[in-house]
Amino acid sequence: MTKADIVNEISKNTGIEKITVQKTVEAFMDTIKGSLVKGSNVYLRGFGSFIVKKRAEKTARNISKNTTIIIPEHFIPAFKPAKSFVSKVKSNVK
């Protein structure tokens, strides 16, 4: 399902114009991105959490050049679904 599919589905279910729904969906995503960039997690009860994970510094190898490089500590965005969400998906996916 794409963002356009989500907008169409919400518009169909609520009767709200597609352009309004699209602006709302984009504002929602921008708000989540902005929060994660600031280092704040976003918790949506019954759906899941958008969190910032810390990756530790590690040593990696470039096998084609036979060199070792250090990958510095960094942060990545992640999504952790709620338990109720996971159980619904597990019971319905075939």
Protein backbone atom coordinates (compact mmCIF):
# COMPACT_ATOMS: atom_id res chain seq x y z
CA MET A 1 0.00 0.00 0.00
CA THR A 2 1.38 3.39 -0.98
CA LYS A 3 0.77 6.82 0.50
CA ALA A 4 -1.70 7.53 -2.32
CA ASP A 5 -3.58 4.33 -1.45
CA ILE A 6 -3.75 5.38 2.19
CA VAL A 7 -5.07 8.82 1.21
CA ASN A 8 -7.71 7.26 -1.05
CA GLU A 9 -8.82 4.80 1.66
CA ILE A 10 -9.11 7.49 4.34
CA SER A 11 -10.96 9.80 1.95
CA LYS A 12 -13.38 7.04 1.00
CA ASN A 13 -14.03 6.00 4.63
CA THR A 14 -14.44 9.52 6.06
CA GLY A 15 -15.87 11.52 3.17
CA ILE A 16 -13.11 14.13 3.52
CA GLU A 17 -11.61 15.51 0.30
CA LYS A 18 -8.42 13.79 -0.90
CA ILE A 19 -6.37 17.01 -0.89
CA THR A 20 -7.22 17.63 2.78
CA VAL A 21 -6.41 14.04 3.71
CA GLN A 22 -3.13 14.22 1.78
CA LYS A 23 -2.07 17.40 3.62
CA THR A 24 -2.98 15.77 6.94
CA VAL A 25 -1.04 12.58 6.20
CA GLU A 26 2.00 14.56 5.08
CA ALA A 27 1.81 16.79 8.17
CA PHE A 28 1.60 13.65 10.35
CA MET A 29 4.71 12.18 8.72
CA ASP A 30 6.59 15.49 8.95
CA THR A 31 5.74 15.74 12.65
CA ILE A 32 7.06 12.23 13.31
CA LYS A 33 10.24 12.89 11.30
CA GLY A 34 10.82 16.19 13.10
CA SER A 35 10.36 14.58 16.48
CA LEU A 36 12.82 11.79 15.68
CA VAL A 37 15.38 14.26 14.32
CA LYS A 38 15.19 16.08 17.68
CA GLY A 39 15.76 12.76 19.47
CA SER A 40 12.21 12.40 20.82
CA ASN A 41 10.31 9.14 20.42
CA VAL A 42 6.68 9.03 19.23
CA TYR A 43 4.27 6.63 20.96
CA LEU A 44 0.90 5.75 19.39
CA ARG A 45 -1.06 3.52 21.78
CA GLY A 46 -2.42 0.42 20.06
CA PHE A 47 -0.31 1.02 16.93
CA GLY A 48 3.36 1.24 17.88
CA SER A 49 6.32 3.45 18.62
CA PHE A 50 8.62 5.38 16.33
CA ILE A 51 11.92 5.38 18.21
CA VAL A 52 15.51 6.50 17.78
CA LYS A 53 18.00 3.67 18.22
CA LYS A 54 21.65 4.19 19.05
CA ARG A 55 24.18 2.13 17.09
CA ALA A 56 27.51 1.66 18.84
CA GLU A 57 30.86 2.35 17.20
CA LYS A 58 32.19 -0.70 15.37
CA THR A 59 35.05 -1.89 13.24
CA ALA A 60 34.27 -2.96 9.68
CA ARG A 61 36.37 -4.37 6.88
CA ASN A 62 36.52 -3.50 3.21
CA ILE A 63 37.49 -6.90 1.85
CA SER A 64 38.20 -5.69 -1.68
CA LYS A 65 40.86 -3.21 -0.47
CA ASN A 66 41.79 -5.28 2.60
CA THR A 67 41.40 -2.28 4.90
CA THR A 68 39.73 -1.75 8.25
CA ILE A 69 37.51 1.24 8.94
CA ILE A 70 35.82 2.52 12.06
CA ILE A 71 32.10 3.21 11.76
CA PRO A 72 31.30 5.88 14.36
CA GLU A 73 28.43 5.75 16.82
CA HIS A 74 25.21 6.90 15.14
CA PHE A 75 21.44 6.97 15.51
CA ILE A 76 18.79 5.38 13.28
CA PRO A 77 14.98 5.63 13.19
CA ALA A 78 13.02 2.46 13.96
CA PHE A 79 9.43 1.31 14.39
CA LYS A 80 8.29 -1.06 17.12
CA PRO A 81 4.71 -2.28 16.66
CA ALA A 82 2.35 -2.60 19.64
CA LYS A 83 1.69 -6.12 20.95
CA SER A 84 -2.00 -5.93 20.02
CA PHE A 85 -1.04 -4.89 16.47
CA VAL A 86 1.44 -7.77 16.14
CA SER A 87 -1.09 -10.32 17.38
CA LYS A 88 -3.72 -9.12 14.87
CA VAL A 89 -1.25 -9.39 11.99
CA LYS A 90 -0.09 -12.85 13.09
CA SER A 91 -3.63 -14.20 13.30
CA ASN A 92 -4.83 -12.75 9.95
CA VAL A 93 -1.92 -13.07 7.50
CA LYS A 94 -2.03 -16.22 5.42
